[in-house]
């Protein structure tokens, strides 16, 4: 969108032209801008993994904090960060997640989101 210069009492003006996509821009005293983009992973298996990671992360907030759940929470965050940034998770991250999930099994029991996550991880790294 192009706009003609807008003048004020002192004859100064502002011109806005062109377009901006995928950025945040702020101009002027006290202005601020932010831009956040979280691309979805292209692979359906990683989409399922990401959904399962997020669901278990939400469910995990209702459980007592133990060393096992703390490790699981850290693994969930690392996995989510990697998948949202790169569209996939490295095998080492998935292995750490599976190990943390197994270690937390006694605390979490058989909640649906933990089972779904275990299935998604197994599908990606086997076993």
C-alpha atoms as a PDB file:
ATOM      1  CA  UNK A   1       0.000   0.000   0.000  1.00  0.00           C
ATOM      2  CA  UNK A   2       1.362   3.417  -0.893  1.00  0.00           C
ATOM      3  CA  UNK A   3       0.344   6.578   0.866  1.00  0.00           C
ATOM      4  CA  UNK A   4       1.106  10.146  -0.022  1.00  0.00           C
ATOM      5  CA  UNK A   5       3.247  12.100   2.430  1.00  0.00           C
ATOM      6  CA  UNK A   6       1.238  13.379   5.368  1.00  0.00           C
ATOM      7  CA  UNK A   7       2.276  16.820   6.489  1.00  0.00           C
ATOM      8  CA  UNK A   8       2.029  18.419   9.875  1.00  0.00           C
ATOM      9  CA  UNK A   9       2.175  22.025  11.027  1.00  0.00           C
ATOM     10  CA  UNK A  10       5.924  22.232  10.348  1.00  0.00           C
ATOM     11  CA  UNK A  11       5.688  20.800   6.838  1.00  0.00           C
ATOM     12  CA  UNK A  12       7.383  17.500   7.600  1.00  0.00           C
ATOM     13  CA  UNK A  13       5.793  14.366   6.240  1.00  0.00           C
ATOM     14  CA  UNK A  14       5.850  10.604   6.254  1.00  0.00           C
ATOM     15  CA  UNK A  15       5.723   8.263   3.305  1.00  0.00           C
ATOM     16  CA  UNK A  16       4.811   4.582   3.613  1.00  0.00           C
ATOM     17  CA  UNK A  17       5.291   2.360   0.588  1.00  0.00           C
ATOM     18  CA  UNK A  18       5.984  -1.202  -0.415  1.00  0.00           C
ATOM     19  CA  UNK A  19       5.218  -4.241   1.671  1.00  0.00           C
ATOM     20  CA  UNK A  20       6.789  -6.233   4.458  1.00  0.00           C
ATOM     21  CA  UNK A  21       6.334  -9.957   5.033  1.00  0.00           C
ATOM     22  CA  UNK A  22       7.891 -12.051   7.764  1.00  0.00           C
ATOM     23  CA  UNK A  23       9.383  -9.210   9.781  1.00  0.00           C
ATOM     24  CA  UNK A  24       8.477  -6.778  12.507  1.00  0.00           C
ATOM     25  CA  UNK A  25       9.247  -3.102  12.044  1.00  0.00           C
ATOM     26  CA  UNK A  26       8.766  -0.241  14.472  1.00  0.00           C
ATOM     27  CA  UNK A  27       9.495   3.396  13.819  1.00  0.00           C
ATOM     28  CA  UNK A  28       9.262   6.366  16.119  1.00  0.00           C
ATOM     29  CA  UNK A  29       9.673   7.235  19.757  1.00  0.00           C
ATOM     30  CA  UNK A  30       8.510   4.428  22.018  1.00  0.00           C
ATOM     31  CA  UNK A  31       7.637   2.129  19.140  1.00  0.00           C
ATOM     32  CA  UNK A  32       8.119  -1.599  19.405  1.00  0.00           C
ATOM     33  CA  UNK A  33       7.541  -4.561  17.132  1.00  0.00           C
ATOM     34  CA  UNK A  34       7.819  -8.283  17.380  1.00  0.00           C
ATOM     35  CA  UNK A  35       7.502 -11.134  14.938  1.00  0.00           C
ATOM     36  CA  UNK A  36       7.169 -14.797  15.720  1.00  0.00           C
ATOM     37  CA  UNK A  37       6.965 -17.526  13.148  1.00  0.00           C
ATOM     38  CA  UNK A  38       6.683 -21.202  13.909  1.00  0.00           C
ATOM     39  CA  UNK A  39       6.711 -23.211  10.716  1.00  0.00           C
ATOM     40  CA  UNK A  40       4.945 -26.528  10.859  1.00  0.00           C
ATOM     41  CA  UNK A  41       7.050 -29.577  10.092  1.00  0.00           C
ATOM     42  CA  UNK A  42       6.377 -30.891   6.593  1.00  0.00           C
ATOM     43  CA  UNK A  43       6.584 -34.584   7.505  1.00  0.00           C
ATOM     44  CA  UNK A  44       3.373 -36.048   8.970  1.00  0.00           C
ATOM     45  CA  UNK A  45       5.329 -38.179  11.445  1.00  0.00           C
ATOM     46  CA  UNK A  46       6.978 -35.054  12.877  1.00  0.00           C
ATOM     47  CA  UNK A  47       3.628 -33.253  12.957  1.00  0.00           C
ATOM     48  CA  UNK A  48       2.266 -36.115  15.056  1.00  0.00           C
ATOM     49  CA  UNK A  49       5.366 -36.029  17.254  1.00  0.00           C
ATOM     50  CA  UNK A  50       5.034 -32.290  17.809  1.00  0.00           C
ATOM     51  CA  UNK A  51       1.364 -32.605  18.734  1.00  0.00           C
ATOM     52  CA  UNK A  52       2.119 -35.462  21.158  1.00  0.00           C
ATOM     53  CA  UNK A  53       5.016 -33.516  22.717  1.00  0.00           C
ATOM     54  CA  UNK A  54       2.786 -30.489  23.308  1.00  0.00           C
ATOM     55  CA  UNK A  55      -0.072 -32.555  24.736  1.00  0.00           C
ATOM     56  CA  UNK A  56       2.181 -34.408  27.163  1.00  0.00           C
ATOM     57  CA  UNK A  57       3.825 -31.125  28.151  1.00  0.00           C
ATOM     58  CA  UNK A  58       0.402 -29.763  29.122  1.00  0.00           C
ATOM     59  CA  UNK A  59      -0.540 -32.973  30.964  1.00  0.00           C
ATOM     60  CA  UNK A  60       2.804 -33.029  32.761  1.00  0.00           C
ATOM     61  CA  UNK A  61       1.981 -29.713  34.458  1.00  0.00           C
ATOM     62  CA  UNK A  62      -0.602 -31.573  36.569  1.00  0.00           C
ATOM     63  CA  UNK A  63       1.918 -34.056  37.987  1.00  0.00           C
ATOM     64  CA  UNK A  64       4.318 -33.630  40.881  1.00  0.00           C
ATOM     65  CA  UNK A  65       7.806 -32.489  39.962  1.00  0.00           C
ATOM     66  CA  UNK A  66      10.319 -35.277  40.371  1.00  0.00           C
ATOM     67  CA  UNK A  67      13.784 -35.717  38.891  1.00  0.00           C
ATOM     68  CA  UNK A  68      12.183 -37.946  36.245  1.00  0.00           C
ATOM     69  CA  UNK A  69       9.438 -35.500  35.283  1.00  0.00           C
ATOM     70  CA  UNK A  70      11.947 -32.632  35.272  1.00  0.00           C
ATOM     71  CA  UNK A  71      14.121 -34.555  32.788  1.00  0.00           C
ATOM     72  CA  UNK A  72      11.065 -35.430  30.716  1.00  0.00           C
ATOM     73  CA  UNK A  73       9.968 -31.801  30.664  1.00  0.00           C
ATOM     74  CA  UNK A  74      13.440 -30.713  29.499  1.00  0.00           C
ATOM     75  CA  UNK A  75      13.397 -33.392  26.786  1.00  0.00           C
ATOM     76  CA  UNK A  76       9.946 -32.294  25.638  1.00  0.00           C
ATOM     77  CA  UNK A  77      11.114 -28.681  25.377  1.00  0.00           C
ATOM     78  CA  UNK A  78      14.261 -29.650  23.478  1.00  0.00           C
ATOM     79  CA  UNK A  79      12.298 -31.821  21.070  1.00  0.00           C
ATOM     80  CA  UNK A  80       9.661 -29.154  20.450  1.00  0.00           C
ATOM     81  CA  UNK A  81      12.331 -26.508  19.863  1.00  0.00           C
ATOM     82  CA  UNK A  82      14.187 -28.690  17.369  1.00  0.00           C
ATOM     83  CA  UNK A  83      11.076 -29.763  15.449  1.00  0.00           C
ATOM     84  CA  UNK A  84       9.658 -26.240  15.219  1.00  0.00           C
ATOM     85  CA  UNK A  85      13.013 -24.849  14.123  1.00  0.00           C
ATOM     86  CA  UNK A  86      14.182 -27.506  11.680  1.00  0.00           C
ATOM     87  CA  UNK A  87      11.091 -29.566  10.916  1.00  0.00           C
ATOM     88  CA  UNK A  88      12.609 -32.693  12.461  1.00  0.00           C
ATOM     89  CA  UNK A  89      14.427 -33.968  15.547  1.00  0.00           C
ATOM     90  CA  UNK A  90      17.859 -35.520  15.590  1.00  0.00           C
ATOM     91  CA  UNK A  91      18.099 -39.195  16.629  1.00  0.00           C
ATOM     92  CA  UNK A  92      19.940 -38.283  19.854  1.00  0.00           C
ATOM     93  CA  UNK A  93      17.128 -35.949  20.899  1.00  0.00           C
ATOM     94  CA  UNK A  94      14.546 -38.637  20.206  1.00  0.00           C
ATOM     95  CA  UNK A  95      16.560 -41.222  22.127  1.00  0.00           C
ATOM     96  CA  UNK A  96      16.842 -38.867  25.107  1.00  0.00           C
ATOM     97  CA  UNK A  97      13.095 -38.255  24.925  1.00  0.00           C
ATOM     98  CA  UNK A  98      12.298 -41.972  24.820  1.00  0.00           C
ATOM     99  CA  UNK A  99      14.625 -42.640  27.777  1.00  0.00           C
ATOM    100  CA  UNK A 100      13.041 -39.818  29.794  1.00  0.00           C
ATOM    101  CA  UNK A 101       9.567 -41.074  28.907  1.00  0.00           C
ATOM    102  CA  UNK A 102      10.438 -44.606  30.040  1.00  0.00           C
ATOM    103  CA  UNK A 103      11.992 -43.313  33.280  1.00  0.00           C
ATOM    104  CA  UNK A 104       8.839 -41.293  34.039  1.00  0.00           C
ATOM    105  CA  UNK A 105       6.492 -44.184  33.338  1.00  0.00           C
ATOM    106  CA  UNK A 106       5.968 -44.962  37.013  1.00  0.00           C
ATOM    107  CA  UNK A 107       4.967 -41.393  37.789  1.00  0.00           C
ATOM    108  CA  UNK A 108       2.817 -40.854  34.708  1.00  0.00           C
ATOM    109  CA  UNK A 109       1.152 -44.238  34.558  1.00  0.00           C
ATOM    110  CA  UNK A 110      -0.620 -44.870  31.292  1.00  0.00           C
ATOM    111  CA  UNK A 111      -1.939 -41.416  30.480  1.00  0.00           C
ATOM    112  CA  UNK A 112      -3.036 -41.145  26.899  1.00  0.00           C
ATOM    113  CA  UNK A 113      -0.632 -38.378  25.895  1.00  0.00           C
ATOM    114  CA  UNK A 114       2.378 -40.358  27.170  1.00  0.00           C
ATOM    115  CA  UNK A 115       1.249 -43.402  25.214  1.00  0.00           C
ATOM    116  CA  UNK A 116       0.716 -41.311  22.067  1.00  0.00           C
ATOM    117  CA  UNK A 117       4.164 -39.762  22.424  1.00  0.00           C
ATOM    118  CA  UNK A 118       5.793 -43.149  22.917  1.00  0.00           C
ATOM    119  CA  UNK A 119       4.117 -44.375  19.739  1.00  0.00           C
ATOM    120  CA  UNK A 120       5.249 -41.287  17.762  1.00  0.00           C
ATOM    121  CA  UNK A 121       8.851 -41.602  18.939  1.00  0.00           C
ATOM    122  CA  UNK A 122       8.935 -45.343  18.231  1.00  0.00           C
ATOM    123  CA  UNK A 123       7.669 -44.688  14.730  1.00  0.00           C
ATOM    124  CA  UNK A 124      10.514 -42.271  14.054  1.00  0.00           C
ATOM    125  CA  UNK A 125      13.432 -44.166  15.588  1.00  0.00           C
ATOM    126  CA  UNK A 126      12.108 -47.707  15.613  1.00  0.00           C
ATOM    127  CA  UNK A 127      11.366 -50.029  18.454  1.00  0.00           C
END
